[in-house]
């Protein structure tokens, strides 16, 4: 079970993605919506999205909402743009 607030938010979104309620190309809620809905700071909600980005489940373009990533070919060597650009810590 996730222990910190950002891990709980990420786990909830991850479950929605794996269950198909959020599908590839769908937008995630805005970070401000995640924060207010979970009673946490925007930074905490952003950290949850960053975790999912690092896992390859979502794609982030600066200034836009995160979207559910399209599954990649297992042999693909592509690096997500957000990771390559240094948006994920």
Protein backbone atom coordinates (compact mmCIF):
# COMPACT_ATOMS: atom_id res chain seq x y z
CA UNK A 1 0.00 0.00 0.00
CA UNK A 2 1.23 3.48 -0.85
CA UNK A 3 2.37 5.36 2.22
CA UNK A 4 2.88 8.99 1.23
CA UNK A 5 0.24 11.27 -0.29
CA UNK A 6 1.92 11.46 -3.71
CA UNK A 7 2.22 7.66 -3.81
CA UNK A 8 -1.48 7.29 -2.98
CA UNK A 9 -2.46 9.71 -5.76
CA UNK A 10 -0.17 7.91 -8.21
CA UNK A 11 -1.60 4.52 -7.15
CA UNK A 12 -5.15 5.78 -7.72
CA UNK A 13 -4.31 7.10 -11.19
CA UNK A 14 -2.29 3.96 -12.03
CA UNK A 15 -5.31 1.81 -11.12
CA UNK A 16 -7.57 3.94 -13.34
CA UNK A 17 -5.11 3.51 -16.22
CA UNK A 18 -4.68 -0.25 -15.80
CA UNK A 19 -8.45 -0.75 -15.39
CA UNK A 20 -9.07 1.16 -18.63
CA UNK A 21 -11.02 4.03 -17.07
CA UNK A 22 -8.23 6.30 -18.32
CA UNK A 23 -7.19 5.24 -21.81
CA UNK A 24 -4.18 6.15 -23.96
CA UNK A 25 -4.53 9.76 -25.09
CA UNK A 26 -6.90 10.71 -22.25
CA UNK A 27 -5.97 13.75 -20.19
CA UNK A 28 -5.30 13.34 -16.50
CA UNK A 29 -7.02 15.81 -14.20
CA UNK A 30 -5.09 19.07 -13.88
CA UNK A 31 -2.52 19.09 -11.09
CA UNK A 32 -4.56 21.75 -9.29
CA UNK A 33 -7.63 19.49 -9.46
CA UNK A 34 -5.66 16.53 -8.12
CA UNK A 35 -4.31 18.68 -5.30
CA UNK A 36 -7.67 20.06 -4.22
CA UNK A 37 -9.39 16.70 -4.61
CA UNK A 38 -6.86 14.99 -2.36
CA UNK A 39 -6.27 17.83 0.07
CA UNK A 40 -2.59 18.19 -0.77
CA UNK A 41 -0.31 20.86 -2.20
CA UNK A 42 0.15 21.31 -5.94
CA UNK A 43 3.76 20.17 -5.50
CA UNK A 44 2.61 16.87 -4.01
CA UNK A 45 0.17 16.30 -6.87
CA UNK A 46 2.89 17.18 -9.38
CA UNK A 47 5.18 14.62 -7.76
CA UNK A 48 2.51 11.94 -8.29
CA UNK A 49 2.30 12.80 -12.00
CA UNK A 50 6.11 12.84 -12.23
CA UNK A 51 6.21 9.33 -10.75
CA UNK A 52 3.76 8.06 -13.38
CA UNK A 53 5.78 9.82 -16.07
CA UNK A 54 8.95 8.08 -14.89
CA UNK A 55 7.06 4.77 -15.05
CA UNK A 56 6.09 5.51 -18.66
CA UNK A 57 2.36 5.52 -17.92
CA UNK A 58 1.80 9.19 -18.72
CA UNK A 59 3.34 11.73 -21.04
CA UNK A 60 3.87 15.36 -20.12
CA UNK A 61 4.44 18.36 -22.35
CA UNK A 62 5.23 21.58 -20.53
CA UNK A 63 2.22 23.88 -20.30
CA UNK A 64 -0.29 21.10 -21.06
CA UNK A 65 -2.08 18.49 -19.04
CA UNK A 66 -0.47 15.10 -18.68
CA UNK A 67 -1.99 12.41 -20.88
CA UNK A 68 -2.06 8.65 -20.61
CA UNK A 69 0.81 7.33 -22.71
CA UNK A 70 0.29 4.95 -25.59
CA UNK A 71 1.82 1.54 -24.94
CA UNK A 72 5.19 1.24 -26.62
CA UNK A 73 6.68 -1.72 -28.39
CA UNK A 74 8.76 -3.73 -25.91
CA UNK A 75 11.73 -3.43 -28.30
CA UNK A 76 11.43 0.34 -28.52
CA UNK A 77 14.41 2.36 -27.35
CA UNK A 78 12.56 5.67 -27.41
CA UNK A 79 12.94 7.83 -24.32
CA UNK A 80 9.85 9.78 -23.27
CA UNK A 81 10.23 13.45 -24.20
CA UNK A 82 9.51 14.58 -20.65
CA UNK A 83 12.32 12.41 -19.29
CA UNK A 84 14.77 13.38 -22.01
CA UNK A 85 14.01 17.06 -21.49
CA UNK A 86 14.67 16.77 -17.75
CA UNK A 87 11.13 17.37 -16.52
CA UNK A 88 11.20 14.29 -14.31
CA UNK A 89 13.38 14.32 -11.23
